[in-house]
Protein backbone atom coordinates (compact mmCIF):
# COMPACT_ATOMS: atom_id res chain seq x y z
CA MET A 1 25.98 21.36 -11.94
CA ALA A 2 27.38 17.82 -11.21
CA GLN A 3 25.85 18.06 -7.73
CA ARG A 4 22.46 19.04 -9.49
CA ARG A 5 22.48 15.93 -11.86
CA GLN A 6 23.35 13.64 -8.75
CA VAL A 7 20.31 15.05 -6.92
CA ALA A 8 17.95 14.44 -9.90
CA ARG A 9 19.31 10.97 -10.50
CA LEU A 10 18.79 10.07 -6.68
CA ILE A 11 15.09 11.35 -6.85
CA THR A 12 14.62 9.50 -10.16
CA ILE A 13 15.91 6.20 -8.61
CA ALA A 14 13.52 6.63 -5.68
CA GLY A 15 10.57 7.02 -8.13
CA ALA A 16 11.37 4.36 -10.66
CA ALA A 17 9.53 1.60 -8.85
CA ALA A 18 6.36 3.56 -8.82
CA SER A 19 6.69 4.58 -12.49
CA ALA A 20 7.24 0.94 -13.47
CA LEU A 21 4.01 -0.16 -11.80
CA LEU A 22 2.10 2.57 -13.46
CA VAL A 23 3.45 1.43 -16.91
CA LEU A 24 2.68 -2.17 -16.34
CA THR A 25 -1.01 -1.28 -15.18
CA THR A 26 -1.41 0.78 -18.35
CA LEU A 27 -0.27 -2.02 -20.61
CA THR A 28 -2.42 -4.67 -18.94
CA ALA A 29 -5.49 -2.40 -19.37
CA CYS A 30 -4.72 -1.88 -23.13
CA ALA A 31 -4.39 -5.70 -23.58
CA THR A 32 -7.76 -6.44 -22.07
CA GLY A 33 -9.82 -3.78 -23.77
CA THR A 34 -12.75 -4.52 -25.99
CA PRO A 35 -11.91 -5.19 -29.61
CA THR A 36 -13.00 -2.56 -32.12
CA PRO A 37 -15.61 -3.92 -34.62
CA SER A 38 -14.54 -4.52 -38.03
CA SER A 39 -15.34 -1.75 -40.65
CA SER A 40 -16.94 -4.50 -42.76
CA SER A 41 -19.60 -5.20 -40.13
CA PRO A 42 -23.13 -4.30 -41.37
CA ALA A 43 -24.07 -2.99 -37.89
CA SER A 44 -21.16 -0.54 -37.83
CA ALA A 45 -21.66 0.57 -41.28
CA ALA A 46 -25.29 1.51 -40.71
CA ALA A 47 -24.72 3.09 -37.32
CA PRO A 48 -25.39 6.73 -37.32
CA SER A 49 -22.64 9.25 -35.95
CA ALA A 50 -23.35 10.45 -32.34
CA SER A 51 -24.49 13.94 -32.02
CA PRO A 52 -21.91 16.33 -30.61
CA SER A 53 -24.58 17.52 -27.93
CA ALA A 54 -24.73 14.09 -26.67
CA THR A 55 -21.16 13.60 -25.73
CA ALA A 56 -20.56 13.81 -22.10
CA GLU A 57 -18.08 16.48 -20.88
CA SER A 58 -15.13 15.31 -18.88
CA PRO A 59 -14.93 16.65 -15.39
CA ALA A 60 -12.55 19.56 -14.88
CA PRO A 61 -9.27 18.39 -13.32
CA SER A 62 -8.79 19.26 -9.62
CA ALA A 63 -6.26 22.20 -8.87
CA THR A 64 -4.76 20.15 -5.84
CA PRO A 65 -3.10 16.82 -6.74
CA THR A 66 -4.46 13.87 -4.83
CA PRO A 67 -1.92 11.44 -3.27
CA GLU A 68 -0.59 8.78 -5.49
CA ALA A 69 -1.31 5.21 -4.54
CA THR A 70 2.53 4.93 -3.51
CA SER A 71 2.29 8.14 -1.37
CA ALA A 72 2.93 7.48 2.27
CA ALA A 73 0.42 8.85 4.82
CA LEU A 74 1.44 11.80 6.93
CA PRO A 75 1.83 11.17 10.60
CA THR A 76 -0.21 13.03 13.27
CA ASP A 77 2.01 12.49 16.50
CA CYS A 78 5.38 13.91 17.11
CA ARG A 79 6.27 11.19 19.74
CA ALA A 80 4.74 8.30 18.08
CA ILE A 81 7.17 8.48 15.08
CA LEU A 82 10.42 8.33 17.18
CA SER A 83 12.21 5.32 18.45
CA ALA A 84 12.86 4.71 22.12
CA ASP A 85 16.45 5.59 21.82
CA VAL A 86 15.64 9.12 20.25
CA LEU A 87 12.89 9.65 22.86
CA ASP A 88 15.60 8.93 25.52
CA GLN A 89 17.77 11.85 23.91
CA LEU A 90 14.76 14.18 24.12
CA GLU A 91 13.48 12.97 27.46
CA ASP A 92 13.75 16.44 29.33
CA VAL A 93 13.06 18.56 26.20
CA PRO A 94 9.50 20.17 25.93
CA LEU A 95 7.56 19.47 22.79
CA ASN A 96 5.37 22.06 20.95
CA ASP A 97 5.24 24.74 23.59
CA PRO A 98 2.82 27.49 22.77
CA ALA A 99 5.81 29.81 22.48
CA PHE A 100 6.76 28.04 19.30
CA ALA A 101 3.43 28.22 17.44
CA PRO A 102 2.32 27.09 14.90
CA ASN A 103 3.07 23.49 15.69
CA GLY A 104 1.25 20.06 15.89
CA VAL A 105 -1.23 19.05 12.97
CA GLN A 106 -1.82 21.81 10.46
CA PRO A 107 -4.94 22.44 8.32
CA ASP A 108 -3.26 20.97 5.30
CA GLY A 109 -2.30 17.74 6.99
CA SER A 110 1.31 18.41 7.70
CA LEU A 111 2.89 17.93 11.11
CA ILE A 112 5.11 20.38 12.79
CA CYS A 113 7.18 19.19 15.69
CA VAL A 114 9.22 21.78 17.80
CA TRP A 115 11.51 20.50 20.52
CA GLY A 116 13.09 23.13 22.84
CA GLU A 117 12.82 25.14 26.07
CA PRO A 118 11.22 28.55 25.32
CA SER A 119 13.57 30.24 27.81
CA ALA A 120 16.68 28.96 25.97
CA ASP A 121 18.32 31.35 23.26
CA THR A 122 19.31 28.83 20.73
CA THR A 123 18.69 25.11 21.80
CA ARG A 124 15.82 23.78 19.68
CA MET A 125 14.81 21.75 16.91
CA ALA A 126 11.95 22.13 14.46
CA THR A 127 10.68 19.42 12.08
CA THR A 128 7.89 19.81 9.46
CA ILE A 129 6.59 16.72 7.81
CA SER A 130 4.56 17.55 4.63
CA ARG A 131 3.29 16.36 1.36
CA MET A 132 5.65 17.28 -1.50
CA TRP A 133 5.43 16.10 -5.09
CA ARG A 134 8.64 14.97 -6.90
CA GLY A 135 9.01 18.19 -9.02
CA PRO A 136 9.07 20.60 -6.06
CA ALA A 137 11.13 18.09 -4.08
CA LEU A 138 13.70 18.10 -6.81
CA ASP A 139 13.91 21.79 -7.12
CA LEU A 140 14.45 22.08 -3.24
CA MET A 141 17.08 19.40 -3.42
CA ASN A 142 18.97 21.23 -6.20
CA GLU A 143 18.82 24.52 -4.45
CA LEU A 144 20.24 22.90 -1.17
CA ALA A 145 23.08 21.28 -3.25
CA ASP A 146 23.91 24.53 -4.74
CA ASP A 147 24.29 25.89 -1.17
CA GLY A 148 26.71 23.39 -0.13
CA PHE A 149 24.52 20.55 1.25
CA THR A 150 25.52 17.02 0.98
CA CYS A 151 22.98 14.83 -0.86
CA TYR A 152 22.77 11.05 -0.90
CA SER A 153 20.21 8.30 -1.20
CA PRO A 154 19.58 6.18 1.91
CA ASP A 155 16.61 3.72 2.45
CA GLU A 156 15.06 4.43 -1.03
CA GLY A 157 14.68 8.18 -0.28
CA THR A 158 16.91 11.32 -1.06
CA ARG A 159 18.63 13.05 1.92
CA CYS A 160 20.36 16.50 1.94
CA GLU A 161 22.22 17.82 5.03
CA LYS A 162 24.60 20.43 6.20
CA THR A 163 25.98 22.01 9.43
CA TRP A 164 27.52 25.29 10.23
CA MET A 165 28.37 27.59 13.17
CA ASN A 166 25.76 29.79 14.66
CA GLU A 167 26.33 33.40 13.96
CA VAL A 168 25.80 34.69 17.44
CA TYR A 169 26.59 31.65 19.73
CA PRO A 170 29.44 29.09 19.82
CA VAL A 171 27.11 26.21 18.80
CA THR A 172 26.39 24.27 15.74
CA ASP A 173 23.37 24.75 13.57
CA GLY A 174 22.11 22.55 10.76
CA ARG A 175 19.34 21.38 8.52
CA THR A 176 18.45 17.90 7.26
CA VAL A 177 15.76 17.13 4.69
CA TYR A 178 14.55 13.69 3.62
CA TRP A 179 12.17 13.01 0.64
CA ARG A 180 10.44 9.81 -0.36
CA ASP A 181 7.09 8.81 -1.73
CA ASP A 182 5.72 12.27 -1.82
CA VAL A 183 6.78 13.03 1.76
CA MET A 184 9.17 15.61 2.85
CA ILE A 185 10.84 15.57 6.38
CA ASP A 186 12.50 18.95 6.91
CA THR A 187 14.27 19.48 10.12
CA GLN A 188 16.28 22.61 11.27
CA TYR A 189 18.13 22.69 14.52
CA SER A 190 20.44 24.77 16.71
CA ASN A 191 22.64 23.23 19.22
CA MET A 192 20.56 19.96 19.29
CA ALA A 193 21.71 17.29 17.01
CA ILE A 194 19.90 14.13 17.87
CA THR A 195 21.54 10.88 16.77
CA GLY A 196 19.04 8.74 14.58
CA TYR A 197 16.31 11.42 14.57
CA THR A 198 15.50 11.58 10.85
CA ALA A 199 16.18 7.80 10.31
CA ALA A 200 13.64 7.00 13.07
CA ILE A 201 11.06 9.21 11.47
CA ALA A 202 11.50 7.71 8.08
CA GLU A 203 11.33 4.11 9.53
CA SER A 204 8.01 5.05 11.30
CA ILE A 205 6.53 6.59 8.11
CA PHE A 206 7.71 4.11 5.49
CA GLY A 207 7.94 0.95 7.53
CA ASP A 208 11.47 0.09 6.78
């Protein structure tokens, strides 16, 4: 339970700046609105009430949320989001082999990057970068915290990570997730822990 409260606080801190901006914008709009005419004004007293049939109907809300103004854009290139140091570590590793489909840019705009040799039994790494709103992100982070992941707040985002031994081979498997500005970076790997990988992607997307 303490871990859940910590995750909720980390994500709340990450979204606090965007919330403060929204409140400031709302207060400014209210302060500059058109004054309501006095009830003693002859024009307002004589004005007939509007017919209900003349009231314009509000458009139906979209079922799919649109990105907030603070949401970062999703990348489209698996190599372009990595630093030179990370690319050096992946120099001889195939990227997005057809055997690991689906990969690349998806219909919903998300990007899947799969690094690994198809002939290898375990050595590979798969990253999905997708749009995820704060509520679902908080739910996911809480589930991971309950499963023993370590969660903390680097670079204005929230990160949860965990490693474990592969059930078949004597290698280390792991998963790292990082959420910020409605973008989720989710990496799962086996026998391929690349130093600075998630940090490099975050820097490319958020410009830190």
